[in-house]
Amino acid sequence: MPLTTETLLAYSMGIIGTLLVLLISLVVYVFLTLREEVRGVSSDLSELNKHRVKLVHIDDCRLTVARVHERLDDYEDAMQGLSERMARTEALLQERGGHS
């Protein structure tokens, strides 16, 4: 039984339709899978952003504490200098007071 052009056309249309349905199904599956992965990545990214904010805050606090310690050291040096000046001034006053 020879195949006619109409029969071949009918078979090819059926095969093309089946392949088209499979292609559409594959595209839908891929997009649904990607959407789920994007949701997972989005929640992970949100969690990482929370940790980043905490780390930045901790780093800012460390920098602030370091600056406070530097200023305290500066004030201690200034106090030491003032104490030495005060001692010299008292010694001068004692000398001048003792000679009068």
C-alpha atoms as a PDB file:
ATOM      1  CA  MET A   1       0.000   0.000   0.000  1.00  0.00           C
ATOM      2  CA  PRO A   2       1.678   3.145  -1.176  1.00  0.00           C
ATOM      3  CA  LEU A   3       1.577   6.257   0.989  1.00  0.00           C
ATOM      4  CA  THR A   4      -0.170   9.180  -0.552  1.00  0.00           C
ATOM      5  CA  THR A   5       0.754  12.793  -0.092  1.00  0.00           C
ATOM      6  CA  GLU A   6      -2.329  13.381   2.018  1.00  0.00           C
ATOM      7  CA  THR A   7      -1.412  10.500   4.346  1.00  0.00           C
ATOM      8  CA  LEU A   8       2.158  11.758   4.746  1.00  0.00           C
ATOM      9  CA  LEU A   9       0.843  15.262   5.376  1.00  0.00           C
ATOM     10  CA  ALA A  10      -1.552  13.949   8.042  1.00  0.00           C
ATOM     11  CA  TYR A  11       1.232  11.984   9.758  1.00  0.00           C
ATOM     12  CA  SER A  12       3.614  14.936   9.626  1.00  0.00           C
ATOM     13  CA  MET A  13       0.953  17.280  11.041  1.00  0.00           C
ATOM     14  CA  GLY A  14       0.365  14.844  13.918  1.00  0.00           C
ATOM     15  CA  ILE A  15       4.081  14.565  14.617  1.00  0.00           C
ATOM     16  CA  ILE A  16       4.537  18.354  14.413  1.00  0.00           C
ATOM     17  CA  GLY A  17       1.581  18.871  16.772  1.00  0.00           C
ATOM     18  CA  THR A  18       3.006  16.358  19.251  1.00  0.00           C
ATOM     19  CA  LEU A  19       6.445  17.967  19.113  1.00  0.00           C
ATOM     20  CA  LEU A  20       4.897  21.414  19.557  1.00  0.00           C
ATOM     21  CA  VAL A  21       2.961  20.249  22.644  1.00  0.00           C
ATOM     22  CA  LEU A  22       6.151  18.685  24.056  1.00  0.00           C
ATOM     23  CA  LEU A  23       8.093  21.891  23.408  1.00  0.00           C
ATOM     24  CA  ILE A  24       5.451  24.050  25.095  1.00  0.00           C
ATOM     25  CA  SER A  25       5.346  21.643  28.050  1.00  0.00           C
ATOM     26  CA  LEU A  26       9.127  21.787  28.358  1.00  0.00           C
ATOM     27  CA  VAL A  27       9.140  25.604  28.276  1.00  0.00           C
ATOM     28  CA  VAL A  28       6.410  25.756  30.947  1.00  0.00           C
ATOM     29  CA  TYR A  29       8.305  23.251  33.110  1.00  0.00           C
ATOM     30  CA  VAL A  30      11.550  25.217  32.784  1.00  0.00           C
ATOM     31  CA  PHE A  31       9.877  28.514  33.683  1.00  0.00           C
ATOM     32  CA  LEU A  32       8.080  27.007  36.681  1.00  0.00           C
ATOM     33  CA  THR A  33      11.324  25.436  37.892  1.00  0.00           C
ATOM     34  CA  LEU A  34      13.205  28.695  37.440  1.00  0.00           C
ATOM     35  CA  ARG A  35      10.503  30.593  39.292  1.00  0.00           C
ATOM     36  CA  GLU A  36      10.845  28.253  42.280  1.00  0.00           C
ATOM     37  CA  GLU A  37      14.630  28.613  42.210  1.00  0.00           C
ATOM     38  CA  VAL A  38      14.335  32.400  42.014  1.00  0.00           C
ATOM     39  CA  ARG A  39      12.075  32.365  45.068  1.00  0.00           C
ATOM     40  CA  GLY A  40      14.645  30.271  46.932  1.00  0.00           C
ATOM     41  CA  VAL A  41      17.477  32.552  45.884  1.00  0.00           C
ATOM     42  CA  SER A  42      15.402  35.595  46.825  1.00  0.00           C
ATOM     43  CA  SER A  43      14.851  34.326  50.363  1.00  0.00           C
ATOM     44  CA  ASP A  44      18.546  33.420  50.665  1.00  0.00           C
ATOM     45  CA  LEU A  45      19.505  36.864  49.395  1.00  0.00           C
ATOM     46  CA  SER A  46      17.186  38.496  51.912  1.00  0.00           C
ATOM     47  CA  GLU A  47      18.821  36.497  54.705  1.00  0.00           C
ATOM     48  CA  LEU A  48      22.295  37.461  53.472  1.00  0.00           C
ATOM     49  CA  ASN A  49      21.283  41.131  53.369  1.00  0.00           C
ATOM     50  CA  LYS A  50      20.196  40.903  57.015  1.00  0.00           C
ATOM     51  CA  HIS A  51      23.574  39.420  57.946  1.00  0.00           C
ATOM     52  CA  ARG A  52      25.389  42.068  55.881  1.00  0.00           C
ATOM     53  CA  VAL A  53      23.540  44.849  57.689  1.00  0.00           C
ATOM     54  CA  LYS A  54      24.494  43.310  61.029  1.00  0.00           C
ATOM     55  CA  LEU A  55      28.126  42.965  59.960  1.00  0.00           C
ATOM     56  CA  VAL A  56      28.260  46.542  58.712  1.00  0.00           C
ATOM     57  CA  HIS A  57      26.778  47.710  62.015  1.00  0.00           C
ATOM     58  CA  ILE A  58      29.328  45.666  63.965  1.00  0.00           C
ATOM     59  CA  ASP A  59      32.135  47.084  61.824  1.00  0.00           C
ATOM     60  CA  ASP A  60      30.842  50.626  62.392  1.00  0.00           C
ATOM     61  CA  CYS A  61      30.726  49.963  66.132  1.00  0.00           C
ATOM     62  CA  ARG A  62      34.306  48.684  66.076  1.00  0.00           C
ATOM     63  CA  LEU A  63      35.469  51.785  64.240  1.00  0.00           C
ATOM     64  CA  THR A  64      33.604  54.008  66.698  1.00  0.00           C
ATOM     65  CA  VAL A  65      35.112  52.178  69.675  1.00  0.00           C
ATOM     66  CA  ALA A  66      38.588  52.517  68.131  1.00  0.00           C
ATOM     67  CA  ARG A  67      38.053  56.270  67.681  1.00  0.00           C
ATOM     68  CA  VAL A  68      36.821  56.598  71.268  1.00  0.00           C
ATOM     69  CA  HIS A  69      39.914  54.766  72.527  1.00  0.00           C
ATOM     70  CA  GLU A  70      42.149  57.037  70.447  1.00  0.00           C
ATOM     71  CA  ARG A  71      40.477  60.111  71.908  1.00  0.00           C
ATOM     72  CA  LEU A  72      40.774  58.689  75.420  1.00  0.00           C
ATOM     73  CA  ASP A  73      44.477  58.116  74.819  1.00  0.00           C
ATOM     74  CA  ASP A  74      44.798  61.702  73.577  1.00  0.00           C
ATOM     75  CA  TYR A  75      42.985  62.982  76.670  1.00  0.00           C
ATOM     76  CA  GLU A  76      45.184  60.868  78.934  1.00  0.00           C
ATOM     77  CA  ASP A  77      48.276  62.317  77.260  1.00  0.00           C
ATOM     78  CA  ALA A  78      46.856  65.820  77.652  1.00  0.00           C
ATOM     79  CA  MET A  79      46.053  65.137  81.316  1.00  0.00           C
ATOM     80  CA  GLN A  80      49.587  63.834  81.852  1.00  0.00           C
ATOM     81  CA  GLY A  81      51.001  66.984  80.258  1.00  0.00           C
ATOM     82  CA  LEU A  82      48.754  69.194  82.376  1.00  0.00           C
ATOM     83  CA  SER A  83      49.693  67.290  85.534  1.00  0.00           C
ATOM     84  CA  GLU A  84      53.377  67.816  84.762  1.00  0.00           C
ATOM     85  CA  ARG A  85      52.792  71.551  84.148  1.00  0.00           C
ATOM     86  CA  MET A  86      50.839  71.756  87.387  1.00  0.00           C
ATOM     87  CA  ALA A  87      53.679  70.058  89.290  1.00  0.00           C
ATOM     88  CA  ARG A  88      56.243  72.448  87.779  1.00  0.00           C
ATOM     89  CA  THR A  89      54.040  75.433  88.582  1.00  0.00           C
ATOM     90  CA  GLU A  90      53.599  74.249  92.175  1.00  0.00           C
ATOM     91  CA  ALA A  91      57.352  73.727  92.467  1.00  0.00           C
ATOM     92  CA  LEU A  92      57.970  77.266  91.166  1.00  0.00           C
ATOM     93  CA  LEU A  93      55.444  78.671  93.604  1.00  0.00           C
ATOM     94  CA  GLN A  94      57.096  76.740  96.431  1.00  0.00           C
ATOM     95  CA  GLU A  95      60.495  78.129  95.426  1.00  0.00           C
ATOM     96  CA  ARG A  96      59.266  81.694  95.188  1.00  0.00           C
ATOM     97  CA  GLY A  97      57.220  81.361  98.329  1.00  0.00           C
ATOM     98  CA  GLY A  98      60.195  79.958 100.251  1.00  0.00           C
ATOM     99  CA  HIS A  99      62.532  82.840  99.250  1.00  0.00           C
ATOM    100  CA  SER A 100      60.207  85.696 100.138  1.00  0.00           C
END
